[in-house]
Amino acid sequence: MRNEEVIGVVAEIPEGHRHLRTTLHLADGTTITLQEATVAAVVRAYTAIKTGPLTSRVALRGRHVPDRKPGYAEWQLLEEPEP
């Protein structure tokens, strides 16, 4: 998705919820709402690449995590080991 396709972004904690939702409003009228865990995973990958002097790629894969910290999502995007 090109930057020009995004005409607006709204980040908020909806009433009655505890976690952030980020909604992208696209030029073609489409909206995409991301849960906090998804945005956090993307930010983690972005930060790893931008701050790691030898890191140029991060791959994330969705996994069911039954033994997780309280408050964390059961489905998480976690780093894949590099081949």
Protein backbone atom coordinates (compact mmCIF):
# COMPACT_ATOMS: atom_id res chain seq x y z
CA MET A 1 0.00 0.00 0.00
CA ARG A 2 1.42 3.36 -1.01
CA ASN A 3 1.43 6.25 1.44
CA GLU A 4 -0.82 8.23 -0.94
CA GLU A 5 -3.52 5.56 -0.57
CA VAL A 6 -3.88 6.31 3.16
CA ILE A 7 -6.03 9.41 3.64
CA GLY A 8 -6.41 9.13 7.40
CA VAL A 9 -5.51 7.19 10.52
CA VAL A 10 -7.46 7.05 13.78
CA ALA A 11 -5.91 5.47 16.87
CA GLU A 12 -8.22 5.12 19.86
CA ILE A 13 -9.36 2.96 22.71
CA PRO A 14 -13.05 2.43 21.92
CA GLU A 15 -15.57 2.90 24.70
CA GLY A 16 -15.96 -0.31 26.66
CA HIS A 17 -12.57 -1.67 25.52
CA ARG A 18 -9.13 -1.74 27.15
CA HIS A 19 -6.92 -2.01 24.09
CA LEU A 20 -6.00 0.34 21.28
CA ARG A 21 -7.54 0.03 17.82
CA THR A 22 -5.92 1.73 14.82
CA THR A 23 -8.06 2.32 11.75
CA LEU A 24 -6.59 3.18 8.36
CA HIS A 25 -8.92 5.06 6.00
CA LEU A 26 -7.97 4.44 2.38
CA ALA A 27 -8.62 6.58 -0.70
CA ASP A 28 -10.88 3.91 -2.24
CA GLY A 29 -13.22 4.03 0.78
CA THR A 30 -11.84 0.90 2.44
CA THR A 31 -11.13 0.94 6.17
CA ILE A 32 -8.74 -1.45 7.89
CA THR A 33 -8.85 -1.74 11.68
CA LEU A 34 -5.87 -3.27 13.45
CA GLN A 35 -5.85 -4.49 17.03
CA GLU A 36 -3.19 -3.27 19.45
CA ALA A 37 -1.27 -6.57 19.32
CA THR A 38 -0.93 -6.32 15.52
CA VAL A 39 0.32 -2.73 15.62
CA ALA A 40 2.73 -3.61 18.44
CA ALA A 41 4.20 -6.46 16.37
CA VAL A 42 4.70 -4.19 13.35
CA VAL A 43 6.33 -1.53 15.54
CA ARG A 44 8.62 -4.21 17.06
CA ALA A 45 9.72 -5.33 13.59
CA TYR A 46 10.19 -1.73 12.40
CA THR A 47 12.25 -0.82 15.47
CA ALA A 48 14.42 -3.93 15.14
CA ILE A 49 15.29 -3.04 11.55
CA LYS A 50 15.77 0.70 12.06
CA THR A 51 17.93 0.35 15.20
CA GLY A 52 19.75 -2.93 14.55
CA PRO A 53 22.96 -2.26 12.64
CA LEU A 54 22.93 -5.74 11.07
CA THR A 55 19.17 -6.34 10.87
CA SER A 56 17.61 -5.79 7.46
CA ARG A 57 14.67 -8.20 7.68
CA VAL A 58 12.20 -9.40 10.29
CA ALA A 59 9.61 -12.07 9.53
CA LEU A 60 6.59 -12.47 11.81
CA ARG A 61 4.29 -15.50 11.90
CA GLY A 62 0.98 -15.78 13.72
CA ARG A 63 0.88 -18.40 16.46
CA HIS A 64 -1.45 -19.58 19.18
CA VAL A 65 0.28 -18.91 22.54
CA PRO A 66 -1.48 -20.78 25.36
CA ASP A 67 1.12 -19.92 28.06
CA ARG A 68 1.29 -16.13 27.87
CA LYS A 69 1.57 -13.19 30.22
CA PRO A 70 -1.69 -11.85 31.66
CA GLY A 71 -3.34 -9.35 29.31
CA TYR A 72 -1.52 -10.64 26.22
CA ALA A 73 -3.46 -11.93 23.21
CA GLU A 74 -3.82 -15.68 22.70
CA TRP A 75 -2.92 -15.21 18.99
CA GLN A 76 0.38 -13.39 18.53
CA LEU A 77 2.66 -12.40 15.68
CA LEU A 78 6.08 -13.68 16.71
CA GLU A 79 9.48 -13.43 15.08
CA GLU A 80 10.45 -16.32 12.84
CA PRO A 81 14.03 -17.57 13.08
CA GLU A 82 16.10 -16.69 10.01
CA PRO A 83 17.02 -19.69 7.81
